Amino acid sequence: MNKKIILSSFASLLFLSQAANAEIKMGSVTATPGIMYQTNYVGEFTGVTTNRTKPSYGVDLNLAHESGIYLYNAYREKRNYPDSSSVSSYGTFDFELCSVLGFAKSASSINLDVSYENCHVDSKTEQNTGTYYFRVNTDVNKQLNIGAAYALDTTDAAKSGTQKYLKDAYKFFGTYDLGFAKSTLTYATSDNYTNFLSLGINKDYMGLNFDLTAYKVEAEGWLNTASPGFYERDLLVLSVKKTF
């Protein structure tokens, strides 16, 4: 039973979007609370939805020290894949609580981010999952930013029988400033699981950050070759976030 998707696109808004942050200064620490809504809860590195293609919502709080150290926490309500027959064995998967401890720094036009995430999911049988993330992006010019990210799983939660998947994952992206909004093209691939191509547009409007992204998800590399269609799909996902 797979409970992890390697960081949802909710959290990726923290690192990659142009979300306008309302900052609360507490000495050398800046606090940024927020609320968020998403029409599908989609894995940042997998493109897989884990809420039965139903909306999910949540709250988050980012605490950033002037040194570059930050602590990000997010709580999300969602509906996962287990049906009524599996609830007694696995639990409901109705919520998720994730914490990310990281360090972000910029040097010239290069932005680096290294972090560790631990997630607890509302389930009966599976342990928390832990993942390391390594991210880098740079401005090519005033309009174009390119970057890459790597995710390394530190737990054994993602297995099909005795075979492991999602041990690591990669993504590559380019963001172009269109003037009225920003557009991002992304390719991502995950170990023995999925790969996807996505195209999104991101804009701040009336104090809200809107992100509309189309996904083309393929699962030809999924080690359980009998059911790749379970993950393969076209998705159009709307994410809305408000920071205070």
C-alpha atoms as a PDB file:
ATOM      1  CA  MET A   1       0.000   0.000   0.000  1.00  0.00           C
ATOM      2  CA  ASN A   2       1.575   3.288  -1.058  1.00  0.00           C
ATOM      3  CA  LYS A   3       0.879   6.238   1.141  1.00  0.00           C
ATOM      4  CA  LYS A   4       3.489   8.686  -0.058  1.00  0.00           C
ATOM      5  CA  ILE A   5       3.772  10.752  -3.210  1.00  0.00           C
ATOM      6  CA  ILE A   6       6.945  12.743  -2.407  1.00  0.00           C
ATOM      7  CA  LEU A   7       5.744  16.225  -1.501  1.00  0.00           C
ATOM      8  CA  SER A   8       2.497  17.557  -2.868  1.00  0.00           C
ATOM      9  CA  SER A   9       2.290  20.544  -5.154  1.00  0.00           C
ATOM     10  CA  PHE A  10       0.816  22.439  -2.195  1.00  0.00           C
ATOM     11  CA  ALA A  11       4.238  22.482  -0.610  1.00  0.00           C
ATOM     12  CA  SER A  12       6.019  23.054  -3.904  1.00  0.00           C
ATOM     13  CA  LEU A  13       4.282  26.436  -4.068  1.00  0.00           C
ATOM     14  CA  LEU A  14       6.508  27.433  -1.168  1.00  0.00           C
ATOM     15  CA  PHE A  15       9.640  26.941  -3.283  1.00  0.00           C
ATOM     16  CA  LEU A  16       8.671  27.500  -6.889  1.00  0.00           C
ATOM     17  CA  SER A  17       5.689  29.829  -7.274  1.00  0.00           C
ATOM     18  CA  GLN A  18       5.464  33.602  -7.228  1.00  0.00           C
ATOM     19  CA  ALA A  19       3.070  33.489  -4.263  1.00  0.00           C
ATOM     20  CA  ALA A  20       2.993  36.862  -2.534  1.00  0.00           C
ATOM     21  CA  ASN A  21       3.883  36.223   1.096  1.00  0.00           C
ATOM     22  CA  ALA A  22       2.475  38.312   3.925  1.00  0.00           C
ATOM     23  CA  GLU A  23       5.311  38.189   6.415  1.00  0.00           C
ATOM     24  CA  ILE A  24       5.140  38.345  10.215  1.00  0.00           C
ATOM     25  CA  LYS A  25       8.498  39.404  11.656  1.00  0.00           C
ATOM     26  CA  MET A  26       9.568  37.918  14.995  1.00  0.00           C
ATOM     27  CA  GLY A  27      13.106  39.161  15.476  1.00  0.00           C
ATOM     28  CA  SER A  28      15.342  37.190  13.091  1.00  0.00           C
ATOM     29  CA  VAL A  29      12.495  34.806  12.195  1.00  0.00           C
ATOM     30  CA  THR A  30       9.809  35.437   9.576  1.00  0.00           C
ATOM     31  CA  ALA A  31       6.503  33.579   9.922  1.00  0.00           C
ATOM     32  CA  THR A  32       4.257  33.016   6.909  1.00  0.00           C
ATOM     33  CA  PRO A  33       0.934  31.244   7.619  1.00  0.00           C
ATOM     34  CA  GLY A  34      -1.393  30.214   4.820  1.00  0.00           C
ATOM     35  CA  ILE A  35      -4.505  28.362   3.740  1.00  0.00           C
ATOM     36  CA  MET A  36      -4.732  26.328   0.553  1.00  0.00           C
ATOM     37  CA  TYR A  37      -7.150  24.514  -1.735  1.00  0.00           C
ATOM     38  CA  GLN A  38      -6.475  22.101  -4.572  1.00  0.00           C
ATOM     39  CA  THR A  39      -8.846  20.352  -6.981  1.00  0.00           C
ATOM     40  CA  ASN A  40      -6.539  17.304  -6.967  1.00  0.00           C
ATOM     41  CA  TYR A  41      -3.790  16.390  -4.500  1.00  0.00           C
ATOM     42  CA  VAL A  42      -0.889  15.683  -6.844  1.00  0.00           C
ATOM     43  CA  GLY A  43       2.644  14.465  -6.184  1.00  0.00           C
ATOM     44  CA  GLU A  44       5.286  17.017  -7.114  1.00  0.00           C
ATOM     45  CA  PHE A  45       7.648  14.329  -8.426  1.00  0.00           C
ATOM     46  CA  THR A  46       5.132  11.648  -9.504  1.00  0.00           C
ATOM     47  CA  GLY A  47       2.074  13.417 -10.918  1.00  0.00           C
ATOM     48  CA  VAL A  48      -0.030  10.829  -9.067  1.00  0.00           C
ATOM     49  CA  THR A  49      -3.222  11.944  -7.368  1.00  0.00           C
ATOM     50  CA  THR A  50      -3.946  10.345  -3.998  1.00  0.00           C
ATOM     51  CA  ASN A  51      -7.343  11.760  -3.142  1.00  0.00           C
ATOM     52  CA  ARG A  52      -9.604   9.869  -5.582  1.00  0.00           C
ATOM     53  CA  THR A  53      -9.413  12.951  -7.837  1.00  0.00           C
ATOM     54  CA  LYS A  54     -11.417  14.912  -5.268  1.00  0.00           C
ATOM     55  CA  PRO A  55     -10.499  18.331  -3.854  1.00  0.00           C
ATOM     56  CA  SER A  56      -8.285  18.689  -0.792  1.00  0.00           C
ATOM     57  CA  TYR A  57      -7.551  21.628   1.452  1.00  0.00           C
ATOM     58  CA  GLY A  58      -5.317  22.554   4.341  1.00  0.00           C
ATOM     59  CA  VAL A  59      -3.282  25.050   6.334  1.00  0.00           C
ATOM     60  CA  ASP A  60       0.462  25.641   6.521  1.00  0.00           C
ATOM     61  CA  LEU A  61       3.071  27.687   8.340  1.00  0.00           C
ATOM     62  CA  ASN A  62       6.596  28.520   7.224  1.00  0.00           C
ATOM     63  CA  LEU A  63       9.157  29.793   9.756  1.00  0.00           C
ATOM     64  CA  ALA A  64      12.269  31.180   8.070  1.00  0.00           C
ATOM     65  CA  HIS A  65      15.401  32.366   9.897  1.00  0.00           C
ATOM     66  CA  GLU A  66      17.574  35.044   8.331  1.00  0.00           C
ATOM     67  CA  SER A  67      20.410  32.498   8.177  1.00  0.00           C
ATOM     68  CA  GLY A  68      18.473  30.516   5.567  1.00  0.00           C
ATOM     69  CA  ILE A  69      17.175  27.781   7.892  1.00  0.00           C
ATOM     70  CA  TYR A  70      13.420  27.213   7.687  1.00  0.00           C
ATOM     71  CA  LEU A  71      10.754  24.963   9.159  1.00  0.00           C
ATOM     72  CA  TYR A  72       7.658  24.314   7.053  1.00  0.00           C
ATOM     73  CA  ASN A  73       4.578  22.515   8.425  1.00  0.00           C
ATOM     74  CA  ALA A  74       1.427  21.617   6.502  1.00  0.00           C
ATOM     75  CA  TYR A  75      -1.798  19.878   7.499  1.00  0.00           C
ATOM     76  CA  ARG A  76      -4.104  18.638   4.722  1.00  0.00           C
ATOM     77  CA  GLU A  77      -7.521  17.046   4.623  1.00  0.00           C
ATOM     78  CA  LYS A  78      -7.891  14.578   1.766  1.00  0.00           C
ATOM     79  CA  ARG A  79      -9.543  11.381   0.563  1.00  0.00           C
ATOM     80  CA  ASN A  80      -7.138   8.644  -0.443  1.00  0.00           C
ATOM     81  CA  TYR A  81      -7.563   5.451  -2.438  1.00  0.00           C
ATOM     82  CA  PRO A  82      -8.620   2.831   0.149  1.00  0.00           C
ATOM     83  CA  ASP A  83     -12.251   1.813  -0.310  1.00  0.00           C
ATOM     84  CA  SER A  84     -14.585   0.707   2.478  1.00  0.00           C
ATOM     85  CA  SER A  85     -13.249  -2.851   2.439  1.00  0.00           C
ATOM     86  CA  SER A  86      -9.695  -1.732   3.195  1.00  0.00           C
ATOM     87  CA  VAL A  87     -10.379   0.913   5.844  1.00  0.00           C
ATOM     88  CA  SER A  88     -10.347  -1.672   8.651  1.00  0.00           C
ATOM     89  CA  SER A  89      -6.884  -2.838   7.538  1.00  0.00           C
ATOM     90  CA  TYR A  90      -5.201   0.378   6.437  1.00  0.00           C
ATOM     91  CA  GLY A  91      -7.181   3.268   7.926  1.00  0.00           C
ATOM     92  CA  THR A  92      -8.891   6.153   6.201  1.00  0.00           C
ATOM     93  CA  PHE A  93      -5.932   8.240   4.940  1.00  0.00           C
ATOM     94  CA  ASP A  94      -8.198  11.263   5.498  1.00  0.00           C
ATOM     95  CA  PHE A  95      -5.447  13.632   6.610  1.00  0.00           C
ATOM     96  CA  GLU A  96      -1.720  14.211   6.335  1.00  0.00           C
ATOM     97  CA  LEU A  97       0.697  16.186   8.512  1.00  0.00           C
ATOM     98  CA  CYS A  98       4.109  16.969   7.030  1.00  0.00           C
ATOM     99  CA  SER A  99       7.088  18.850   8.456  1.00  0.00           C
ATOM    100  CA  VAL A 100      10.053  20.066   6.408  1.00  0.00           C
ATOM    101  CA  LEU A 101      13.352  21.264   7.890  1.00  0.00           C
ATOM    102  CA  GLY A 102      15.526  22.952   5.309  1.00  0.00           C
ATOM    103  CA  PHE A 103      18.217  25.416   4.389  1.00  0.00           C
ATOM    104  CA  ALA A 104      17.875  27.811   1.453  1.00  0.00           C
ATOM    105  CA  LYS A 105      20.526  30.186   0.179  1.00  0.00           C
ATOM    106  CA  SER A 106      21.173  32.328  -2.872  1.00  0.00           C
ATOM    107  CA  ALA A 107      24.564  33.049  -4.413  1.00  0.00           C
ATOM    108  CA  SER A 108      24.625  35.419  -7.369  1.00  0.00           C
ATOM    109  CA  SER A 109      21.728  34.174  -9.512  1.00  0.00           C
ATOM    110  CA  ILE A 110      21.784  30.596  -8.188  1.00  0.00           C
ATOM    111  CA  ASN A 111      19.271  29.484  -5.544  1.00  0.00           C
ATOM    112  CA  LEU A 112      19.982  26.336  -3.502  1.00  0.00           C
ATOM    113  CA  ASP A 113      17.600  24.469  -1.202  1.00  0.00           C
ATOM    114  CA  VAL A 114      18.336  21.331   0.847  1.00  0.00           C
ATOM    115  CA  SER A 115      15.648  19.867   3.114  1.00  0.00           C
ATOM    116  CA  TYR A 116      14.284  16.825   4.925  1.00  0.00           C
ATOM    117  CA  GLU A 117      10.564  16.043   5.103  1.00  0.00           C
ATOM    118  CA  ASN A 118       8.717  13.741   7.488  1.00  0.00           C
ATOM    119  CA  CYS A 119       5.049  12.936   6.833  1.00  0.00           C
ATOM    120  CA  HIS A 120       2.442  11.274   9.018  1.00  0.00           C
ATOM    121  CA  VAL A 121      -0.657   9.952   7.263  1.00  0.00           C
ATOM    122  CA  ASP A 122      -3.910   8.886   8.899  1.00  0.00           C
ATOM    123  CA  SER A 123      -3.352   5.130   8.541  1.00  0.00           C
ATOM    124  CA  LYS A 124      -3.131   2.079  10.764  1.00  0.00           C
ATOM    125  CA  THR A 125      -0.318   0.012   9.310  1.00  0.00           C
ATOM    126  CA  GLU A 126       2.325   2.236   7.752  1.00  0.00           C
ATOM    127  CA  GLN A 127       5.137   4.187   9.342  1.00  0.00           C
ATOM    128  CA  ASN A 128       5.934   7.820   8.760  1.00  0.00           C
ATOM    129  CA  THR A 129       7.822   8.534   5.572  1.00  0.00           C
ATOM    130  CA  GLY A 130      11.016  10.556   5.301  1.00  0.00           C
ATOM    131  CA  THR A 131      12.490  12.195   2.206  1.00  0.00           C
ATOM    132  CA  TYR A 132      15.547  14.329   1.451  1.00  0.00           C
ATOM    133  CA  TYR A 133      15.213  17.041  -1.200  1.00  0.00           C
ATOM    134  CA  PHE A 134      17.886  18.853  -3.170  1.00  0.00           C
ATOM    135  CA  ARG A 135      16.808  21.803  -5.337  1.00  0.00           C
ATOM    136  CA  VAL A 136      18.628  24.327  -7.494  1.00  0.00           C
ATOM    137  CA  ASN A 137      17.419  26.996  -9.895  1.00  0.00           C
ATOM    138  CA  THR A 138      18.953  29.979 -11.637  1.00  0.00           C
ATOM    139  CA  ASP A 139      17.899  32.975 -13.709  1.00  0.00           C
ATOM    140  CA  VAL A 140      18.994  32.664 -17.329  1.00  0.00           C
ATOM    141  CA  ASN A 141      17.744  36.175 -17.991  1.00  0.00           C
ATOM    142  CA  LYS A 142      15.070  38.524 -16.617  1.00  0.00           C
ATOM    143  CA  GLN A 143      12.268  36.306 -17.945  1.00  0.00           C
ATOM    144  CA  LEU A 144      13.566  32.730 -17.840  1.00  0.00           C
ATOM    145  CA  ASN A 145      14.462  30.643 -14.790  1.00  0.00           C
ATOM    146  CA  ILE A 146      15.539  27.003 -15.052  1.00  0.00           C
ATOM    147  CA  GLY A 147      16.079  24.424 -12.339  1.00  0.00           C
ATOM    148  CA  ALA A 148      16.235  20.833 -11.193  1.00  0.00           C
ATOM    149  CA  ALA A 149      15.319  18.888  -8.064  1.00  0.00           C
ATOM    150  CA  TYR A 150      16.080  15.465  -6.598  1.00  0.00           C
ATOM    151  CA  ALA A 151      14.130  13.499  -3.966  1.00  0.00           C
ATOM    152  CA  LEU A 152      15.606  10.570  -2.006  1.00  0.00           C
ATOM    153  CA  ASP A 153      13.323   8.342   0.058  1.00  0.00           C
ATOM    154  CA  THR A 154      14.786   7.219   3.412  1.00  0.00           C
ATOM    155  CA  THR A 155      12.047   4.730   4.388  1.00  0.00           C
ATOM    156  CA  ASP A 156      10.641   1.458   3.064  1.00  0.00           C
ATOM    157  CA  ALA A 157       7.039   2.607   2.757  1.00  0.00           C
ATOM    158  CA  ALA A 158       6.824   2.366  -1.035  1.00  0.00           C
ATOM    159  CA  LYS A 159       6.794  -1.297  -2.008  1.00  0.00           C
ATOM    160  CA  SER A 160       4.924  -3.612  -4.320  1.00  0.00           C
ATOM    161  CA  GLY A 161       5.344  -6.968  -2.647  1.00  0.00           C
ATOM    162  CA  THR A 162       9.063  -7.154  -1.936  1.00  0.00           C
ATOM    163  CA  GLN A 163      10.048  -4.758  -4.715  1.00  0.00           C
ATOM    164  CA  LYS A 164      10.700  -1.126  -3.842  1.00  0.00           C
ATOM    165  CA  TYR A 165       9.738   1.885  -5.878  1.00  0.00           C
ATOM    166  CA  LEU A 166      10.021   5.649  -5.386  1.00  0.00           C
ATOM    167  CA  LYS A 167      13.509   5.287  -3.934  1.00  0.00           C
ATOM    168  CA  ASP A 168      14.456   8.412  -5.800  1.00  0.00           C
ATOM    169  CA  ALA A 169      12.936  10.887  -8.236  1.00  0.00           C
ATOM    170  CA  TYR A 170      14.069  13.757 -10.445  1.00  0.00           C
ATOM    171  CA  LYS A 171      12.426  16.803 -11.952  1.00  0.00           C
ATOM    172  CA  PHE A 172      13.548  19.477 -14.384  1.00  0.00           C
ATOM    173  CA  PHE A 173      11.702  22.697 -15.062  1.00  0.00           C
ATOM    174  CA  GLY A 174      11.768  26.063 -16.743  1.00  0.00           C
ATOM    175  CA  THR A 175       9.704  29.086 -15.683  1.00  0.00           C
ATOM    176  CA  TYR A 176       9.056  31.952 -18.089  1.00  0.00           C
ATOM    177  CA  ASP A 177       7.695  35.343 -17.059  1.00  0.00           C
ATOM    178  CA  LEU A 178       4.932  36.256 -19.495  1.00  0.00           C
ATOM    179  CA  GLY A 179       4.357  39.636 -17.885  1.00  0.00           C
ATOM    180  CA  PHE A 180       0.768  39.015 -16.821  1.00  0.00           C
ATOM    181  CA  ALA A 181       1.680  35.635 -15.262  1.00  0.00           C
ATOM    182  CA  LYS A 182       4.414  32.998 -15.072  1.00  0.00           C
ATOM    183  CA  SER A 183       4.363  29.754 -17.041  1.00  0.00           C
ATOM    184  CA  THR A 184       6.265  26.601 -15.996  1.00  0.00           C
ATOM    185  CA  LEU A 185       7.135  23.535 -18.065  1.00  0.00           C
ATOM    186  CA  THR A 186       8.173  20.489 -16.000  1.00  0.00           C
ATOM    187  CA  TYR A 187       9.396  16.950 -16.656  1.00  0.00           C
ATOM    188  CA  ALA A 188       9.709  14.507 -13.748  1.00  0.00           C
ATOM    189  CA  THR A 189      10.525  10.823 -13.401  1.00  0.00           C
ATOM    190  CA  SER A 190      10.441   8.525 -10.352  1.00  0.00           C
ATOM    191  CA  ASP A 191      12.111   5.163  -9.737  1.00  0.00           C
ATOM    192  CA  ASN A 192      10.031   2.187 -10.959  1.00  0.00           C
ATOM    193  CA  TYR A 193       6.894   4.315 -10.907  1.00  0.00           C
ATOM    194  CA  THR A 194       5.827   7.174 -13.164  1.00  0.00           C
ATOM    195  CA  ASN A 195       7.005  10.025 -15.320  1.00  0.00           C
ATOM    196  CA  PHE A 196       5.064  13.089 -16.352  1.00  0.00           C
ATOM    197  CA  LEU A 197       5.116  16.273 -18.351  1.00  0.00           C
ATOM    198  CA  SER A 198       3.250  19.316 -17.072  1.00  0.00           C
ATOM    199  CA  LEU A 199       2.544  22.852 -18.204  1.00  0.00           C
ATOM    200  CA  GLY A 200       1.232  25.404 -15.739  1.00  0.00           C
ATOM    201  CA  ILE A 201       0.453  29.065 -15.336  1.00  0.00           C
ATOM    202  CA  ASN A 202       0.799  30.927 -12.035  1.00  0.00           C
ATOM    203  CA  LYS A 203      -0.539  34.357 -11.075  1.00  0.00           C
ATOM    204  CA  ASP A 204      -1.207  36.493  -8.013  1.00  0.00           C
ATOM    205  CA  TYR A 205      -4.620  38.163  -8.061  1.00  0.00           C
ATOM    206  CA  MET A 206      -6.472  40.039  -5.306  1.00  0.00           C
ATOM    207  CA  GLY A 207      -4.196  38.677  -2.593  1.00  0.00           C
ATOM    208  CA  LEU A 208      -4.470  35.065  -3.759  1.00  0.00           C
ATOM    209  CA  ASN A 209      -2.010  32.890  -5.662  1.00  0.00           C
ATOM    210  CA  PHE A 210      -3.584  30.847  -8.464  1.00  0.00           C
ATOM    211  CA  ASP A 211      -1.849  27.966 -10.217  1.00  0.00           C
ATOM    212  CA  LEU A 212      -3.476  26.044 -13.094  1.00  0.00           C
ATOM    213  CA  THR A 213      -1.412  23.076 -14.320  1.00  0.00           C
ATOM    214  CA  ALA A 214      -2.091  20.365 -16.906  1.00  0.00           C
ATOM    215  CA  TYR A 215      -0.395  16.960 -16.399  1.00  0.00           C
ATOM    216  CA  LYS A 216       0.292  14.075 -18.764  1.00  0.00           C
ATOM    217  CA  VAL A 217       1.179  11.134 -16.482  1.00  0.00           C
ATOM    218  CA  GLU A 218       2.613   7.852 -17.788  1.00  0.00           C
ATOM    219  CA  ALA A 219       3.429   4.684 -15.850  1.00  0.00           C
ATOM    220  CA  GLU A 220       5.328   2.542 -18.347  1.00  0.00           C
ATOM    221  CA  GLY A 221       8.116   2.181 -15.796  1.00  0.00           C
ATOM    222  CA  TRP A 222       5.777   1.082 -12.977  1.00  0.00           C
ATOM    223  CA  LEU A 223       7.165  -2.236 -11.738  1.00  0.00           C
ATOM    224  CA  ASN A 224       3.654  -3.615 -11.275  1.00  0.00           C
ATOM    225  CA  THR A 225       3.132  -3.814 -15.034  1.00  0.00           C
ATOM    226  CA  ALA A 226      -0.289  -5.412 -14.660  1.00  0.00           C
ATOM    227  CA  SER A 227      -1.883  -2.131 -13.600  1.00  0.00           C
ATOM    228  CA  PRO A 228      -0.086   0.892 -15.089  1.00  0.00           C
ATOM    229  CA  GLY A 229      -3.406   2.372 -16.169  1.00  0.00           C
ATOM    230  CA  PHE A 230      -4.262   2.933 -12.526  1.00  0.00           C
ATOM    231  CA  TYR A 231      -1.780   5.816 -12.501  1.00  0.00           C
ATOM    232  CA  GLU A 232      -1.788   6.972 -16.112  1.00  0.00           C
ATOM    233  CA  ARG A 233      -4.051   9.926 -16.712  1.00  0.00           C
ATOM    234  CA  ASP A 234      -4.424  13.483 -17.948  1.00  0.00           C
ATOM    235  CA  LEU A 235      -5.018  15.989 -15.173  1.00  0.00           C
ATOM    236  CA  LEU A 236      -5.946  19.649 -14.966  1.00  0.00           C
ATOM    237  CA  VAL A 237      -5.272  20.886 -11.425  1.00  0.00           C
ATOM    238  CA  LEU A 238      -6.204  24.222  -9.898  1.00  0.00           C
ATOM    239  CA  SER A 239      -4.384  25.279  -6.714  1.00  0.00           C
ATOM    240  CA  VAL A 240      -5.280  28.393  -4.726  1.00  0.00           C
ATOM    241  CA  LYS A 241      -3.266  29.726  -1.808  1.00  0.00           C
ATOM    242  CA  LYS A 242      -3.688  32.656   0.557  1.00  0.00           C
ATOM    243  CA  THR A 243      -0.921  33.809   2.901  1.00  0.00           C
ATOM    244  CA  PHE A 244      -1.468  36.098   5.861  1.00  0.00           C
END
